[in-house]
């Protein structure tokens, strides 16, 4: 999430929503696409760890690219939790939250639909296999890569979504931020995936979770509520905490 210069004219809401939609498309197409294509192709023994790292990097690289491409227009959220966290921190008005979230969800759904269309013309039964495996959906219990339970998913989503929002708010601060914020944000998302893929396939992003669950089957849809609610909870805590703890100035 990047902040525009105060001397720069603010893009229209339509431009900002288009940027959020395209950026979320890129994130889902790149991240979920890597997960479903790589994990369903490189299945020989010994490749699992390479796929795991590749998926983590794919999410980080796509958000890095999106921040630099679309951040100057919309702030580069691509994630309803980030948008809510930014509003809680006072970075964007609350009235922009609903339009941003709608654009993000639509962008993510278009991306996962495009992945399905590619799969339709893939090898025999590839798409069926990918959907039976959950289509890179988030989950717990039998749907957790490591067999972790629902409370594990809840705790890790709150913690990691919160820290992700704090990194974003800090690196894009209007006066203390960095020109290299995109690198910090992309690497943080990579780290988040390295931590959480074994637990719940990593969400921290409700739009990403919806996009995958729609094609992941009934059980993925039944569990998706955790990945809508708890990244938002973590983001709200982080946004309010950042504003209270780090946004003050010393006037002495």
Protein backbone atom coordinates (compact mmCIF):
# COMPACT_ATOMS: atom_id res chain seq x y z
CA UNK A 1 0.00 0.00 0.00
CA UNK A 2 1.66 3.19 -1.11
CA UNK A 3 0.69 6.73 -0.30
CA UNK A 4 0.42 9.40 -2.95
CA UNK A 5 2.17 12.73 -2.55
CA UNK A 6 -0.02 15.46 -1.10
CA UNK A 7 0.78 17.62 -4.12
CA UNK A 8 -0.44 14.96 -6.55
CA UNK A 9 -4.05 15.05 -7.74
CA UNK A 10 -5.97 12.12 -6.30
CA UNK A 11 -7.14 9.59 -8.90
CA UNK A 12 -10.88 9.18 -9.34
CA UNK A 13 -12.70 6.50 -7.39
CA UNK A 14 -13.27 4.62 -10.64
CA UNK A 15 -9.54 4.56 -11.37
CA UNK A 16 -8.78 3.42 -7.83
CA UNK A 17 -11.33 0.62 -8.01
CA UNK A 18 -10.00 -0.53 -11.37
CA UNK A 19 -6.48 -0.59 -9.91
CA UNK A 20 -7.68 -2.66 -6.93
CA UNK A 21 -9.46 -5.08 -9.23
CA UNK A 22 -6.47 -5.54 -11.54
CA UNK A 23 -4.07 -5.83 -8.61
CA UNK A 24 -6.18 -8.48 -6.89
CA UNK A 25 -6.51 -10.33 -10.20
CA UNK A 26 -2.71 -10.39 -10.44
CA UNK A 27 -2.34 -11.60 -6.85
CA UNK A 28 -4.83 -14.46 -7.21
CA UNK A 29 -3.81 -15.43 -10.73
CA UNK A 30 -0.14 -15.52 -9.76
CA UNK A 31 -0.42 -16.98 -6.26
CA UNK A 32 -3.33 -19.39 -6.56
CA UNK A 33 -2.26 -20.17 -10.13
CA UNK A 34 1.19 -21.26 -8.96
CA UNK A 35 -0.40 -23.34 -6.20
CA UNK A 36 -2.80 -25.23 -8.45
CA UNK A 37 -0.51 -25.64 -11.46
CA UNK A 38 2.70 -26.49 -9.60
CA UNK A 39 1.19 -28.70 -6.91
CA UNK A 40 -0.76 -30.71 -9.49
CA UNK A 41 2.21 -31.12 -11.83
CA UNK A 42 5.35 -31.48 -9.74
CA UNK A 43 4.19 -34.44 -7.69
CA UNK A 44 7.32 -36.63 -7.70
CA UNK A 45 9.00 -37.32 -4.33
CA UNK A 46 11.38 -34.55 -3.32
CA UNK A 47 9.60 -31.69 -5.07
CA UNK A 48 7.12 -30.78 -2.34
CA UNK A 49 9.47 -28.35 -0.60
CA UNK A 50 10.28 -26.62 -3.90
CA UNK A 51 6.59 -26.14 -4.65
CA UNK A 52 6.02 -24.83 -1.12
CA UNK A 53 8.70 -22.15 -1.56
CA UNK A 54 7.50 -21.37 -5.09
CA UNK A 55 3.95 -20.69 -3.90
CA UNK A 56 5.18 -18.43 -1.10
CA UNK A 57 7.36 -16.50 -3.54
CA UNK A 58 4.54 -16.28 -6.08
CA UNK A 59 2.27 -14.49 -3.62
CA UNK A 60 5.07 -12.18 -2.52
CA UNK A 61 6.20 -11.35 -6.06
CA UNK A 62 2.69 -10.68 -7.32
CA UNK A 63 1.93 -8.24 -4.51
CA UNK A 64 5.32 -6.58 -5.01
CA UNK A 65 4.59 -6.09 -8.73
CA UNK A 66 1.06 -4.93 -7.97
CA UNK A 67 2.19 -2.36 -5.40
CA UNK A 68 4.54 -0.70 -7.87
CA UNK A 69 2.09 -0.94 -10.79
CA UNK A 70 -1.13 0.10 -9.05
CA UNK A 71 -0.08 1.47 -5.66
CA UNK A 72 0.30 5.05 -6.95
CA UNK A 73 -3.33 4.89 -8.11
CA UNK A 74 -5.24 3.12 -5.33
CA UNK A 75 -2.75 2.55 -2.54
CA UNK A 76 -2.20 -1.05 -3.63
CA UNK A 77 -4.30 -2.93 -1.08
CA UNK A 78 -5.57 -5.93 -3.14
CA UNK A 79 -6.93 -7.34 0.11
CA UNK A 80 -10.09 -6.47 2.11
CA UNK A 81 -8.20 -6.90 5.38
CA UNK A 82 -5.60 -4.33 4.33
CA UNK A 83 -8.34 -1.91 3.30
CA UNK A 84 -10.10 -2.28 6.66
CA UNK A 85 -6.80 -1.92 8.51
CA UNK A 86 -5.95 1.21 6.55
CA UNK A 87 -9.34 2.72 7.39
CA UNK A 88 -8.89 1.87 11.08
CA UNK A 89 -5.53 3.65 10.99
CA UNK A 90 -7.06 6.71 9.35
CA UNK A 91 -5.25 6.26 6.05
CA UNK A 92 -8.39 6.05 3.92
CA UNK A 93 -11.99 7.14 4.62
CA UNK A 94 -14.40 4.43 5.76
CA UNK A 95 -16.72 5.31 2.87
CA UNK A 96 -14.13 3.84 0.47
CA UNK A 97 -13.99 0.46 2.21
CA UNK A 98 -17.06 -1.18 0.64
CA UNK A 99 -16.22 -0.16 -2.96
CA UNK A 100 -12.61 -1.30 -2.51
CA UNK A 101 -13.68 -4.66 -1.08
CA UNK A 102 -16.15 -5.26 -3.91
CA UNK A 103 -13.49 -4.46 -6.52
CA UNK A 104 -11.02 -6.80 -4.80
CA UNK A 105 -13.47 -9.69 -4.57
CA UNK A 106 -14.50 -9.27 -8.21
CA UNK A 107 -10.87 -9.12 -9.36
CA UNK A 108 -10.06 -12.28 -7.41
CA UNK A 109 -13.08 -14.16 -8.76
CA UNK A 110 -12.22 -13.23 -12.35
CA UNK A 111 -8.68 -14.52 -11.76
CA UNK A 112 -9.78 -17.88 -10.34
CA UNK A 113 -12.32 -18.22 -13.15
CA UNK A 114 -9.53 -17.63 -15.66
CA UNK A 115 -7.53 -20.40 -13.96
CA UNK A 116 -10.49 -22.74 -14.31
CA UNK A 117 -10.84 -21.86 -18.00
CA UNK A 118 -7.17 -22.69 -18.54
CA UNK A 119 -7.71 -25.97 -16.70
CA UNK A 120 -10.61 -26.87 -18.99
CA UNK A 121 -8.11 -27.16 -21.84
CA UNK A 122 -5.48 -28.92 -19.75
CA UNK A 123 -4.58 -32.60 -19.46
CA UNK A 124 -7.37 -35.12 -19.01
CA UNK A 125 -8.95 -34.86 -15.53
CA UNK A 126 -6.48 -32.13 -14.46
CA UNK A 127 -9.23 -29.68 -13.51
CA UNK A 128 -11.24 -32.34 -11.67
CA UNK A 129 -8.13 -33.33 -9.74
CA UNK A 130 -7.33 -29.71 -8.86
CA UNK A 131 -10.87 -29.07 -7.64
CA UNK A 132 -10.99 -32.33 -5.69
CA UNK A 133 -7.78 -31.19 -3.96
CA UNK A 134 -9.52 -27.94 -2.98
CA UNK A 135 -8.19 -25.61 -5.69
CA UNK A 136 -5.65 -24.10 -3.24
CA UNK A 137 -8.45 -23.17 -0.83
CA UNK A 138 -7.80 -22.37 2.80
CA UNK A 139 -8.92 -24.82 5.44
CA UNK A 140 -8.35 -26.66 8.68
CA UNK A 141 -8.60 -30.24 9.88
CA UNK A 142 -8.62 -32.55 6.90
CA UNK A 143 -8.13 -29.52 4.67
CA UNK A 144 -5.03 -28.25 6.46
CA UNK A 145 -1.78 -29.33 4.76
CA UNK A 146 -0.37 -30.13 8.20
CA UNK A 147 -3.57 -31.32 9.86
CA UNK A 148 -4.00 -28.26 12.11
CA UNK A 149 -7.37 -27.49 13.70
CA UNK A 150 -9.71 -24.53 13.40
CA UNK A 151 -8.28 -22.66 16.39
CA UNK A 152 -4.81 -22.90 14.86
CA UNK A 153 -6.15 -21.28 11.69
CA UNK A 154 -7.94 -18.56 13.64
CA UNK A 155 -4.90 -17.65 15.74
CA UNK A 156 -2.42 -17.61 12.87
CA UNK A 157 -4.72 -15.57 10.63
CA UNK A 158 -5.27 -12.90 13.29
CA UNK A 159 -1.55 -12.65 14.09
CA UNK A 160 -0.21 -12.67 10.53
CA UNK A 161 -2.88 -10.39 9.05
CA UNK A 162 -2.19 -7.96 11.88
CA UNK A 163 1.54 -7.92 11.36
CA UNK A 164 1.08 -7.65 7.60
CA UNK A 165 -1.02 -4.51 8.10
CA UNK A 166 1.56 -3.06 10.50
CA UNK A 167 4.36 -3.59 7.97
CA UNK A 168 2.23 -1.93 5.28
CA UNK A 169 1.30 1.03 7.46
CA UNK A 170 4.89 1.53 8.59
CA UNK A 171 6.57 1.20 5.21
CA UNK A 172 4.05 3.50 3.50
CA UNK A 173 3.81 6.13 6.24
CA UNK A 174 3.27 9.58 4.68
CA UNK A 175 6.36 11.07 6.37
CA UNK A 176 8.37 8.09 7.61
CA UNK A 177 7.71 5.59 4.84
CA UNK A 178 10.15 4.19 2.31
CA UNK A 179 10.38 4.41 -1.46
CA UNK A 180 11.07 0.67 -1.32
CA UNK A 181 7.87 -0.16 0.54
CA UNK A 182 6.83 -2.61 -2.17
CA UNK A 183 9.87 -4.78 -1.48
CA UNK A 184 9.14 -4.89 2.25
CA UNK A 185 5.49 -5.71 1.63
CA UNK A 186 6.24 -8.41 -0.94
CA UNK A 187 8.88 -10.09 1.22
CA UNK A 188 6.59 -9.94 4.26
CA UNK A 189 3.82 -11.70 2.34
CA UNK A 190 6.35 -14.33 1.24
CA UNK A 191 7.37 -14.87 4.86
CA UNK A 192 3.73 -15.08 5.92
CA UNK A 193 3.15 -17.86 3.40
CA UNK A 194 6.26 -19.72 4.48
CA UNK A 195 4.91 -19.68 8.04
CA UNK A 196 1.24 -20.43 7.40
CA UNK A 197 0.97 -22.69 4.33
CA UNK A 198 1.38 -25.84 6.48
CA UNK A 199 -1.29 -24.60 8.91
CA UNK A 200 -4.18 -23.47 6.69
CA UNK A 201 -2.75 -22.80 3.20
CA UNK A 202 -2.39 -19.11 4.18
CA UNK A 203 -5.10 -16.56 3.66
CA UNK A 204 -4.60 -13.17 5.39
CA UNK A 205 -6.75 -12.05 2.45
CA UNK A 206 -10.52 -12.69 2.26
CA UNK A 207 -10.63 -11.94 -1.48
CA UNK A 208 -8.02 -14.63 -2.16
CA UNK A 209 -9.94 -17.08 0.04
CA UNK A 210 -13.26 -16.44 -1.69
CA UNK A 211 -11.69 -16.74 -5.15
CA UNK A 212 -10.27 -20.19 -4.41
CA UNK A 213 -13.16 -21.54 -2.32
CA UNK A 214 -15.72 -20.88 -5.07
CA UNK A 215 -14.00 -23.56 -7.15
CA UNK A 216 -12.74 -25.67 -4.23
CA UNK A 217 -16.01 -27.42 -3.48
CA UNK A 218 -18.61 -27.43 -0.73
CA UNK A 219 -16.22 -28.18 2.12
CA UNK A 220 -13.95 -25.29 1.15
CA UNK A 221 -16.96 -22.98 1.06
CA UNK A 222 -18.14 -24.28 4.44
CA UNK A 223 -14.81 -23.31 6.03
CA UNK A 224 -14.21 -20.03 4.21
CA UNK A 225 -15.93 -17.94 6.91
CA UNK A 226 -12.85 -18.24 9.14
CA UNK A 227 -10.75 -16.67 6.40
CA UNK A 228 -13.22 -13.84 5.94
CA UNK A 229 -13.66 -12.95 9.61
CA UNK A 230 -10.29 -13.41 11.28
CA UNK A 231 -7.94 -11.63 8.84
CA UNK A 232 -10.32 -8.67 9.25
CA UNK A 233 -10.11 -8.98 13.04
CA UNK A 234 -6.31 -8.97 12.91
CA UNK A 235 -6.30 -6.01 10.52
CA UNK A 236 -8.64 -3.97 12.71
CA UNK A 237 -6.51 -4.60 15.79
CA UNK A 238 -3.38 -3.64 13.87
CA UNK A 239 -4.89 -0.52 12.32
CA UNK A 240 -6.16 0.90 15.59
CA UNK A 241 -3.01 -0.14 17.45
CA UNK A 242 -0.73 1.45 14.85
CA UNK A 243 -2.64 4.72 15.02
CA UNK A 244 -2.50 4.75 18.81
CA UNK A 245 1.10 3.58 19.29
CA UNK A 246 3.09 4.80 16.30
CA UNK A 247 1.35 7.76 14.69
CA UNK A 248 2.01 10.26 17.46
CA UNK A 249 4.59 13.01 17.08
CA UNK A 250 6.92 14.51 19.66
CA UNK A 251 6.14 18.21 19.98
CA UNK A 252 8.67 18.77 22.75
